[in-house]
Amino acid sequence: MSIPEGTHNIGPSNGSLKVKTGKEGAASKMGHDLVIAVNDWEATIEGGDSPSIKLTCDPSSLEVVEGSGGAKPLSDGDKGDIKKSIDKKVLGSSQISFTSSEVTDSAAKGDLSIAGSSSSVDVPLKVDNGTISGSITLSQKDFGIKQFSAMMGALKVKDQVTVEFEGKI
């Protein structure tokens, strides 16, 4: 199915944007696999003869909503500490953006900017019953992001993170 004609605006009120992380290292059993929601974002999707997608999000709006695994449950204090690390050590304040250069029924190609660095990406798309969705796995290193680590490097966030989105069009 293709993107319906017209302009479609998606954001937190009619969609979701999440980042999923894993852990690695000698102390990986101590850490958590995280689901992080992006709470301040917007996407404009144009359907028709020249389809396009433009997305922006505020990196300071990322918030841990779930943590699985780990030696102990993830507390609210832990979530707050993770948010501070994301803001200060991982993403900084540069807006995250994606601007398509080509959109087909099954993918959007374009430039993704994270933490002040850009890379060309292909984002698989699915359009079905008034919903657009997709998932892409990214390497933090491609955007100059150093893997967050703790316990003198024995616990690290995996370089590969998965970004998932869904919205009503």
N, C-alpha and C. Protein backbone atom coordinates (compact mmCIF):
# COMPACT_ATOMS: atom_id res chain seq x y z
N MET A 1 0.83 -1.18 0.00
CA MET A 1 0.00 0.00 0.00
C MET A 1 0.88 1.25 0.00
N SER A 2 0.41 2.32 -0.62
CA SER A 2 1.22 3.54 -0.66
C SER A 2 0.66 4.60 0.29
N ILE A 3 1.44 5.63 0.50
CA ILE A 3 1.04 6.73 1.36
C ILE A 3 -0.12 7.46 0.69
N PRO A 4 -1.21 7.66 1.41
CA PRO A 4 -2.36 8.38 0.82
C PRO A 4 -1.99 9.80 0.42
N GLU A 5 -2.68 10.34 -0.59
CA GLU A 5 -2.48 11.71 -1.05
C GLU A 5 -2.65 12.68 0.11
N GLY A 6 -1.94 13.80 0.04
CA GLY A 6 -2.12 14.86 1.02
C GLY A 6 -1.00 14.94 2.02
N THR A 7 -1.16 15.89 2.95
CA THR A 7 -0.19 16.11 4.02
C THR A 7 -0.70 15.45 5.29
N HIS A 8 0.17 14.67 5.91
CA HIS A 8 -0.18 13.93 7.14
C HIS A 8 0.81 14.33 8.23
N ASN A 9 0.27 14.81 9.34
CA ASN A 9 1.11 15.21 10.48
C ASN A 9 0.99 14.17 11.58
N ILE A 10 2.14 13.71 12.04
CA ILE A 10 2.19 12.68 13.08
C ILE A 10 3.07 13.19 14.22
N GLY A 11 2.69 12.85 15.43
CA GLY A 11 3.44 13.20 16.62
C GLY A 11 2.98 12.34 17.77
N PRO A 12 3.33 12.71 18.98
CA PRO A 12 2.97 11.89 20.15
C PRO A 12 1.45 11.69 20.33
N SER A 13 0.63 12.60 19.81
CA SER A 13 -0.82 12.47 19.99
C SER A 13 -1.43 11.38 19.13
N ASN A 14 -0.77 11.03 18.02
CA ASN A 14 -1.32 10.00 17.13
C ASN A 14 -0.26 9.00 16.66
N GLY A 15 0.84 8.91 17.41
CA GLY A 15 1.89 7.97 17.03
C GLY A 15 2.86 7.73 18.18
N SER A 16 3.84 6.91 17.91
CA SER A 16 4.89 6.63 18.90
C SER A 16 6.23 6.54 18.21
N LEU A 17 7.27 6.96 18.92
CA LEU A 17 8.65 6.90 18.46
C LEU A 17 9.46 6.40 19.64
N LYS A 18 10.09 5.23 19.47
CA LYS A 18 10.82 4.60 20.57
C LYS A 18 12.20 4.16 20.12
N VAL A 19 13.11 4.15 21.09
CA VAL A 19 14.47 3.65 20.88
C VAL A 19 14.66 2.47 21.83
N LYS A 20 15.18 1.36 21.29
CA LYS A 20 15.44 0.18 22.11
C LYS A 20 16.94 -0.07 22.13
N THR A 21 17.46 -0.25 23.36
CA THR A 21 18.89 -0.48 23.53
C THR A 21 19.13 -1.83 24.20
N GLY A 22 20.31 -2.36 24.00
CA GLY A 22 20.75 -3.58 24.67
C GLY A 22 22.01 -3.28 25.46
N LYS A 23 22.56 -4.32 26.07
CA LYS A 23 23.77 -4.15 26.87
C LYS A 23 24.77 -5.22 26.52
N GLU A 24 26.05 -4.94 26.83
CA GLU A 24 27.12 -5.90 26.58
C GLU A 24 28.23 -5.66 27.58
N GLY A 25 29.18 -6.55 27.59
CA GLY A 25 30.33 -6.42 28.49
C GLY A 25 30.30 -7.48 29.58
N ALA A 26 31.39 -7.56 30.30
CA ALA A 26 31.54 -8.58 31.35
C ALA A 26 30.47 -8.46 32.43
N ALA A 27 29.97 -7.25 32.66
CA ALA A 27 28.96 -7.05 33.71
C ALA A 27 27.57 -6.82 33.11
N SER A 28 27.33 -7.33 31.90
CA SER A 28 26.06 -7.05 31.22
C SER A 28 24.85 -7.57 31.99
N LYS A 29 25.03 -8.60 32.81
CA LYS A 29 23.89 -9.11 33.59
C LYS A 29 23.40 -8.10 34.61
N MET A 30 24.22 -7.12 34.93
CA MET A 30 23.84 -6.09 35.91
C MET A 30 22.93 -5.03 35.26
N GLY A 31 23.08 -4.82 33.97
CA GLY A 31 22.37 -3.74 33.28
C GLY A 31 21.02 -4.16 32.73
N HIS A 32 20.35 -3.21 32.11
CA HIS A 32 19.01 -3.42 31.59
C HIS A 32 18.95 -3.16 30.09
N ASP A 33 18.11 -3.92 29.40
CA ASP A 33 17.72 -3.57 28.04
C ASP A 33 16.64 -2.51 28.20
N LEU A 34 16.75 -1.41 27.47
CA LEU A 34 15.86 -0.28 27.69
C LEU A 34 14.92 -0.03 26.51
N VAL A 35 13.74 0.46 26.84
CA VAL A 35 12.82 1.05 25.87
C VAL A 35 12.71 2.52 26.27
N ILE A 36 13.06 3.39 25.32
CA ILE A 36 13.10 4.82 25.57
C ILE A 36 12.10 5.50 24.63
N ALA A 37 11.14 6.22 25.20
CA ALA A 37 10.16 6.94 24.40
C ALA A 37 10.67 8.33 24.06
N VAL A 38 10.37 8.78 22.86
CA VAL A 38 10.64 10.16 22.46
C VAL A 38 9.31 10.89 22.63
N ASN A 39 9.27 11.86 23.53
CA ASN A 39 8.01 12.51 23.88
C ASN A 39 7.73 13.81 23.15
N ASP A 40 8.71 14.39 22.47
CA ASP A 40 8.53 15.64 21.74
C ASP A 40 9.10 15.45 20.33
N TRP A 41 8.21 15.15 19.38
CA TRP A 41 8.62 14.93 18.00
C TRP A 41 7.46 15.24 17.07
N GLU A 42 7.80 15.46 15.81
CA GLU A 42 6.77 15.64 14.80
C GLU A 42 7.30 15.19 13.45
N ALA A 43 6.38 14.63 12.68
CA ALA A 43 6.71 14.19 11.33
C ALA A 43 5.66 14.74 10.38
N THR A 44 6.12 15.20 9.24
CA THR A 44 5.23 15.62 8.16
C THR A 44 5.47 14.68 6.99
N ILE A 45 4.39 14.03 6.59
CA ILE A 45 4.47 13.04 5.52
C ILE A 45 3.59 13.52 4.37
N GLU A 46 4.20 13.64 3.20
CA GLU A 46 3.48 14.06 2.01
C GLU A 46 3.24 12.83 1.13
N GLY A 47 1.99 12.59 0.78
CA GLY A 47 1.66 11.51 -0.15
C GLY A 47 1.40 12.09 -1.52
N GLY A 48 1.26 11.23 -2.49
CA GLY A 48 0.98 11.68 -3.86
C GLY A 48 2.13 11.41 -4.80
N ASP A 49 2.25 12.27 -5.82
CA ASP A 49 3.24 12.07 -6.88
C ASP A 49 4.68 12.24 -6.41
N SER A 50 4.92 13.11 -5.43
CA SER A 50 6.26 13.35 -4.91
C SER A 50 6.26 13.15 -3.39
N PRO A 51 6.17 11.90 -2.95
CA PRO A 51 6.09 11.67 -1.50
C PRO A 51 7.38 12.07 -0.79
N SER A 52 7.23 12.54 0.46
CA SER A 52 8.38 12.94 1.25
C SER A 52 8.06 12.77 2.73
N ILE A 53 9.12 12.69 3.52
CA ILE A 53 8.99 12.58 4.96
C ILE A 53 10.01 13.50 5.62
N LYS A 54 9.55 14.27 6.58
CA LYS A 54 10.45 15.12 7.38
C LYS A 54 10.08 14.89 8.84
N LEU A 55 11.08 14.59 9.66
CA LEU A 55 10.86 14.33 11.08
C LEU A 55 11.86 15.12 11.89
N THR A 56 11.40 15.68 13.00
CA THR A 56 12.30 16.32 13.95
C THR A 56 11.91 15.87 15.35
N CYS A 57 12.90 15.79 16.22
CA CYS A 57 12.59 15.49 17.63
C CYS A 57 13.62 16.14 18.53
N ASP A 58 13.15 16.40 19.75
CA ASP A 58 13.96 17.04 20.77
C ASP A 58 14.64 15.95 21.59
N PRO A 59 15.98 15.86 21.56
CA PRO A 59 16.66 14.79 22.30
C PRO A 59 16.45 14.86 23.81
N SER A 60 16.13 16.05 24.32
CA SER A 60 15.91 16.15 25.76
C SER A 60 14.57 15.55 26.19
N SER A 61 13.75 15.15 25.21
CA SER A 61 12.44 14.57 25.53
C SER A 61 12.48 13.05 25.67
N LEU A 62 13.66 12.46 25.49
CA LEU A 62 13.77 11.00 25.63
C LEU A 62 13.60 10.61 27.09
N GLU A 63 12.80 9.55 27.31
CA GLU A 63 12.50 9.12 28.67
C GLU A 63 12.42 7.59 28.71
N VAL A 64 13.11 7.00 29.65
CA VAL A 64 13.07 5.54 29.81
C VAL A 64 11.67 5.15 30.29
N VAL A 65 11.02 4.25 29.53
CA VAL A 65 9.69 3.78 29.92
C VAL A 65 9.70 2.33 30.36
N GLU A 66 10.78 1.62 30.04
CA GLU A 66 10.86 0.21 30.42
C GLU A 66 12.31 -0.24 30.48
N GLY A 67 12.60 -1.10 31.44
CA GLY A 67 13.92 -1.72 31.55
C GLY A 67 13.74 -3.18 31.91
N SER A 68 14.30 -4.06 31.08
CA SER A 68 14.18 -5.49 31.37
C SER A 68 15.56 -6.08 31.61
N GLY A 69 15.58 -7.20 32.30
CA GLY A 69 16.84 -7.82 32.68
C GLY A 69 17.43 -7.07 33.87
N GLY A 70 18.68 -7.24 34.09
CA GLY A 70 19.34 -6.54 35.18
C GLY A 70 19.31 -7.32 36.48
N ALA A 71 20.22 -6.97 37.35
CA ALA A 71 20.32 -7.66 38.64
C ALA A 71 19.21 -7.24 39.59
N LYS A 72 18.67 -6.03 39.38
CA LYS A 72 17.57 -5.55 40.22
C LYS A 72 16.64 -4.74 39.33
N PRO A 73 15.38 -4.54 39.75
CA PRO A 73 14.46 -3.75 38.93
C PRO A 73 14.98 -2.32 38.72
N LEU A 74 14.60 -1.75 37.61
CA LEU A 74 14.99 -0.39 37.28
C LEU A 74 14.12 0.58 38.08
N SER A 75 14.73 1.40 38.92
CA SER A 75 13.99 2.33 39.78
C SER A 75 13.77 3.67 39.06
N ASP A 76 12.91 4.50 39.63
CA ASP A 76 12.70 5.84 39.09
C ASP A 76 14.00 6.64 39.15
N GLY A 77 14.79 6.45 40.21
CA GLY A 77 16.08 7.12 40.31
C GLY A 77 17.03 6.69 39.20
N ASP A 78 17.02 5.37 38.89
CA ASP A 78 17.84 4.87 37.79
C ASP A 78 17.41 5.51 36.47
N LYS A 79 16.10 5.60 36.25
CA LYS A 79 15.58 6.21 35.02
C LYS A 79 16.02 7.67 34.92
N GLY A 80 15.99 8.38 36.04
CA GLY A 80 16.45 9.77 36.06
C GLY A 80 17.93 9.89 35.74
N ASP A 81 18.73 8.99 36.30
CA ASP A 81 20.17 9.00 36.02
C ASP A 81 20.45 8.70 34.54
N ILE A 82 19.69 7.77 33.97
CA ILE A 82 19.86 7.45 32.55
C ILE A 82 19.51 8.66 31.70
N LYS A 83 18.40 9.34 32.02
CA LYS A 83 18.00 10.53 31.27
C LYS A 83 19.10 11.59 31.31
N LYS A 84 19.69 11.82 32.50
CA LYS A 84 20.78 12.80 32.62
C LYS A 84 21.96 12.40 31.73
N SER A 85 22.29 11.10 31.71
CA SER A 85 23.40 10.63 30.88
C SER A 85 23.10 10.82 29.40
N ILE A 86 21.87 10.53 29.00
CA ILE A 86 21.49 10.73 27.59
C ILE A 86 21.65 12.19 27.22
N ASP A 87 21.14 13.08 28.08
CA ASP A 87 21.20 14.52 27.80
C ASP A 87 22.62 15.06 27.77
N LYS A 88 23.44 14.67 28.74
CA LYS A 88 24.76 15.28 28.89
C LYS A 88 25.89 14.54 28.20
N LYS A 89 25.83 13.20 28.16
CA LYS A 89 26.96 12.43 27.67
C LYS A 89 26.74 11.75 26.32
N VAL A 90 25.48 11.58 25.93
CA VAL A 90 25.22 10.80 24.72
C VAL A 90 24.73 11.67 23.56
N LEU A 91 23.59 12.33 23.70
CA LEU A 91 22.99 13.05 22.58
C LEU A 91 23.25 14.55 22.57
N GLY A 92 23.40 15.15 23.73
CA GLY A 92 23.56 16.59 23.76
C GLY A 92 22.25 17.29 23.40
N SER A 93 22.36 18.53 22.92
CA SER A 93 21.16 19.33 22.67
C SER A 93 20.82 19.50 21.20
N SER A 94 21.61 18.95 20.29
CA SER A 94 21.33 19.10 18.86
C SER A 94 20.05 18.35 18.50
N GLN A 95 19.17 19.05 17.79
CA GLN A 95 17.92 18.44 17.36
C GLN A 95 18.20 17.22 16.47
N ILE A 96 17.38 16.21 16.62
CA ILE A 96 17.46 15.01 15.78
C ILE A 96 16.51 15.23 14.60
N SER A 97 16.97 14.93 13.39
CA SER A 97 16.11 15.16 12.23
C SER A 97 16.35 14.10 11.15
N PHE A 98 15.30 13.88 10.37
CA PHE A 98 15.37 13.03 9.19
C PHE A 98 14.66 13.76 8.06
N THR A 99 15.33 13.85 6.93
CA THR A 99 14.73 14.45 5.73
C THR A 99 14.92 13.48 4.59
N SER A 100 13.82 13.05 3.99
CA SER A 100 13.90 12.06 2.92
C SER A 100 14.40 12.69 1.62
N SER A 101 15.08 11.86 0.85
CA SER A 101 15.48 12.24 -0.51
C SER A 101 14.69 11.42 -1.52
N GLU A 102 14.15 10.28 -1.07
CA GLU A 102 13.34 9.41 -1.92
C GLU A 102 12.44 8.57 -1.02
N VAL A 103 11.16 8.47 -1.40
CA VAL A 103 10.21 7.66 -0.66
C VAL A 103 9.48 6.74 -1.63
N THR A 104 9.49 5.45 -1.35
CA THR A 104 8.73 4.46 -2.12
C THR A 104 7.68 3.85 -1.19
N ASP A 105 6.94 2.89 -1.70
CA ASP A 105 5.93 2.22 -0.88
C ASP A 105 6.53 1.41 0.25
N SER A 106 7.83 1.10 0.14
CA SER A 106 8.43 0.21 1.15
C SER A 106 9.63 0.80 1.89
N ALA A 107 10.07 2.01 1.53
CA ALA A 107 11.25 2.57 2.20
C ALA A 107 11.34 4.08 1.99
N ALA A 108 12.03 4.71 2.93
CA ALA A 108 12.37 6.13 2.81
C ALA A 108 13.89 6.24 2.91
N LYS A 109 14.51 6.85 1.91
CA LYS A 109 15.94 7.10 1.94
C LYS A 109 16.14 8.58 2.26
N GLY A 110 17.17 8.85 3.06
CA GLY A 110 17.42 10.25 3.36
C GLY A 110 18.52 10.43 4.37
N ASP A 111 18.65 11.67 4.86
CA ASP A 111 19.70 12.03 5.81
C ASP A 111 19.13 12.08 7.22
N LEU A 112 19.79 11.36 8.12
CA LEU A 112 19.44 11.35 9.53
C LEU A 112 20.54 12.06 10.29
N SER A 113 20.17 13.06 11.09
CA SER A 113 21.13 13.80 11.90
C SER A 113 20.86 13.53 13.37
N ILE A 114 21.92 13.09 14.07
CA ILE A 114 21.85 12.81 15.50
C ILE A 114 23.13 13.33 16.13
N ALA A 115 23.00 14.01 17.24
CA ALA A 115 24.16 14.51 18.01
C ALA A 115 25.12 15.32 17.15
N GLY A 116 24.55 16.10 16.20
CA GLY A 116 25.37 16.97 15.37
C GLY A 116 26.08 16.29 14.21
N SER A 117 25.79 15.01 13.97
CA SER A 117 26.41 14.27 12.88
C SER A 117 25.33 13.66 12.00
N SER A 118 25.58 13.61 10.68
CA SER A 118 24.58 13.09 9.74
C SER A 118 25.08 11.85 9.03
N SER A 119 24.11 11.01 8.65
CA SER A 119 24.42 9.81 7.88
C SER A 119 23.22 9.51 6.98
N SER A 120 23.50 8.96 5.83
CA SER A 120 22.44 8.55 4.92
C SER A 120 21.90 7.19 5.37
N VAL A 121 20.56 7.06 5.44
CA VAL A 121 19.95 5.82 5.91
C VAL A 121 18.79 5.43 5.00
N ASP A 122 18.47 4.15 4.99
CA ASP A 122 17.28 3.61 4.34
C ASP A 122 16.37 3.08 5.43
N VAL A 123 15.18 3.66 5.54
CA VAL A 123 14.24 3.28 6.59
C VAL A 123 13.12 2.45 5.97
N PRO A 124 13.01 1.16 6.32
CA PRO A 124 11.90 0.36 5.82
C PRO A 124 10.57 0.91 6.32
N LEU A 125 9.58 0.97 5.43
CA LEU A 125 8.26 1.48 5.77
C LEU A 125 7.19 0.43 5.52
N LYS A 126 6.12 0.54 6.29
CA LYS A 126 4.94 -0.27 6.06
C LYS A 126 3.74 0.66 6.19
N VAL A 127 2.90 0.70 5.17
CA VAL A 127 1.68 1.49 5.20
C VAL A 127 0.53 0.51 5.11
N ASP A 128 -0.35 0.55 6.13
CA ASP A 128 -1.45 -0.42 6.16
C ASP A 128 -2.61 0.12 7.01
N ASN A 129 -3.80 0.13 6.46
CA ASN A 129 -5.02 0.52 7.18
C ASN A 129 -4.88 1.86 7.91
N GLY A 130 -4.36 2.87 7.24
CA GLY A 130 -4.26 4.19 7.84
C GLY A 130 -3.12 4.38 8.82
N THR A 131 -2.17 3.45 8.83
CA THR A 131 -1.03 3.53 9.73
C THR A 131 0.26 3.40 8.93
N ILE A 132 1.24 4.21 9.27
CA ILE A 132 2.58 4.07 8.72
C ILE A 132 3.49 3.66 9.86
N SER A 133 4.38 2.70 9.60
CA SER A 133 5.28 2.22 10.65
C SER A 133 6.59 1.78 10.05
N GLY A 134 7.56 1.59 10.92
CA GLY A 134 8.86 1.12 10.48
C GLY A 134 9.80 0.92 11.64
N SER A 135 10.92 0.31 11.33
CA SER A 135 11.94 0.02 12.33
C SER A 135 13.29 0.03 11.63
N ILE A 136 14.28 0.63 12.27
CA ILE A 136 15.63 0.64 11.70
C ILE A 136 16.64 0.46 12.82
N THR A 137 17.65 -0.34 12.55
CA THR A 137 18.74 -0.52 13.50
C THR A 137 19.90 0.37 13.07
N LEU A 138 20.40 1.15 14.02
CA LEU A 138 21.46 2.11 13.75
C LEU A 138 22.67 1.82 14.60
N SER A 139 23.84 2.18 14.08
CA SER A 139 25.08 2.11 14.85
C SER A 139 25.35 3.50 15.42
N GLN A 140 25.51 3.57 16.74
CA GLN A 140 25.81 4.85 17.36
C GLN A 140 27.12 5.43 16.81
N LYS A 141 28.07 4.56 16.50
CA LYS A 141 29.38 5.00 15.99
C LYS A 141 29.23 5.78 14.68
N ASP A 142 28.21 5.42 13.86
CA ASP A 142 28.00 6.12 12.59
C ASP A 142 27.68 7.60 12.81
N PHE A 143 27.26 7.96 14.02
CA PHE A 143 26.91 9.33 14.34
C PHE A 143 27.88 9.95 15.35
N GLY A 144 29.04 9.31 15.51
CA GLY A 144 30.06 9.83 16.40
C GLY A 144 29.71 9.71 17.88
N ILE A 145 28.76 8.82 18.20
CA ILE A 145 28.34 8.66 19.59
C ILE A 145 29.16 7.54 20.21
N LYS A 146 29.80 7.86 21.31
CA LYS A 146 30.56 6.86 22.06
C LYS A 146 29.58 6.06 22.91
N GLN A 147 29.73 4.74 22.87
CA GLN A 147 28.87 3.87 23.68
C GLN A 147 28.95 4.27 25.14
N PHE A 148 27.79 4.46 25.77
CA PHE A 148 27.78 4.76 27.19
C PHE A 148 28.27 3.53 27.93
N SER A 149 29.13 3.74 28.94
CA SER A 149 29.63 2.62 29.72
C SER A 149 29.64 2.98 31.20
N ALA A 150 29.62 1.96 32.02
CA ALA A 150 29.68 2.11 33.47
C ALA A 150 30.58 1.01 34.01
N MET A 151 30.84 1.08 35.29
CA MET A 151 31.65 0.05 35.95
C MET A 151 33.00 -0.14 35.24
N MET A 152 33.64 1.00 34.96
CA MET A 152 34.95 1.01 34.30
C MET A 152 34.95 0.26 32.98
N GLY A 153 33.83 0.36 32.23
CA GLY A 153 33.72 -0.25 30.92
C GLY A 153 33.22 -1.68 30.92
N ALA A 154 32.98 -2.25 32.10
CA ALA A 154 32.51 -3.64 32.16
C ALA A 154 31.05 -3.77 31.75
N LEU A 155 30.32 -2.66 31.74
CA LEU A 155 28.93 -2.63 31.31
C LEU A 155 28.79 -1.52 30.28
N LYS A 156 28.30 -1.87 29.08
CA LYS A 156 28.15 -0.90 28.01
C LYS A 156 26.78 -1.04 27.37
N VAL A 157 26.30 0.09 26.83
CA VAL A 157 25.15 0.04 25.94
C VAL A 157 25.67 -0.46 24.60
N LYS A 158 24.99 -1.45 24.02
CA LYS A 158 25.41 -1.96 22.71
C LYS A 158 25.46 -0.82 21.69
N ASP A 159 26.38 -0.92 20.75
CA ASP A 159 26.50 0.08 19.70
C ASP A 159 25.22 0.13 18.86
N GLN A 160 24.62 -1.00 18.59
CA GLN A 160 23.42 -1.07 17.77
C GLN A 160 22.18 -0.75 18.60
N VAL A 161 21.40 0.24 18.16
CA VAL A 161 20.13 0.57 18.79
C VAL A 161 19.05 0.47 17.71
N THR A 162 17.83 0.17 18.14
CA THR A 162 16.73 0.04 17.19
C THR A 162 15.74 1.17 17.44
N VAL A 163 15.36 1.85 16.36
CA VAL A 163 14.37 2.91 16.42
C VAL A 163 13.10 2.39 15.75
N GLU A 164 11.98 2.48 16.47
CA GLU A 164 10.68 2.03 15.97
C GLU A 164 9.70 3.20 15.98
N PHE A 165 8.89 3.30 14.94
CA PHE A 165 7.89 4.36 14.88
C PHE A 165 6.59 3.82 14.30
N GLU A 166 5.52 4.51 14.66
CA GLU A 166 4.21 4.18 14.14
C GLU A 166 3.33 5.40 14.27
N GLY A 167 2.48 5.64 13.29
CA GLY A 167 1.58 6.79 13.37
C GLY A 167 0.39 6.62 12.45
N LYS A 168 -0.67 7.32 12.80
CA LYS A 168 -1.90 7.33 11.99
C LYS A 168 -1.76 8.38 10.90
N ILE A 169 -2.08 7.97 9.68
CA ILE A 169 -2.05 8.93 8.54
C ILE A 169 -3.43 9.04 7.93
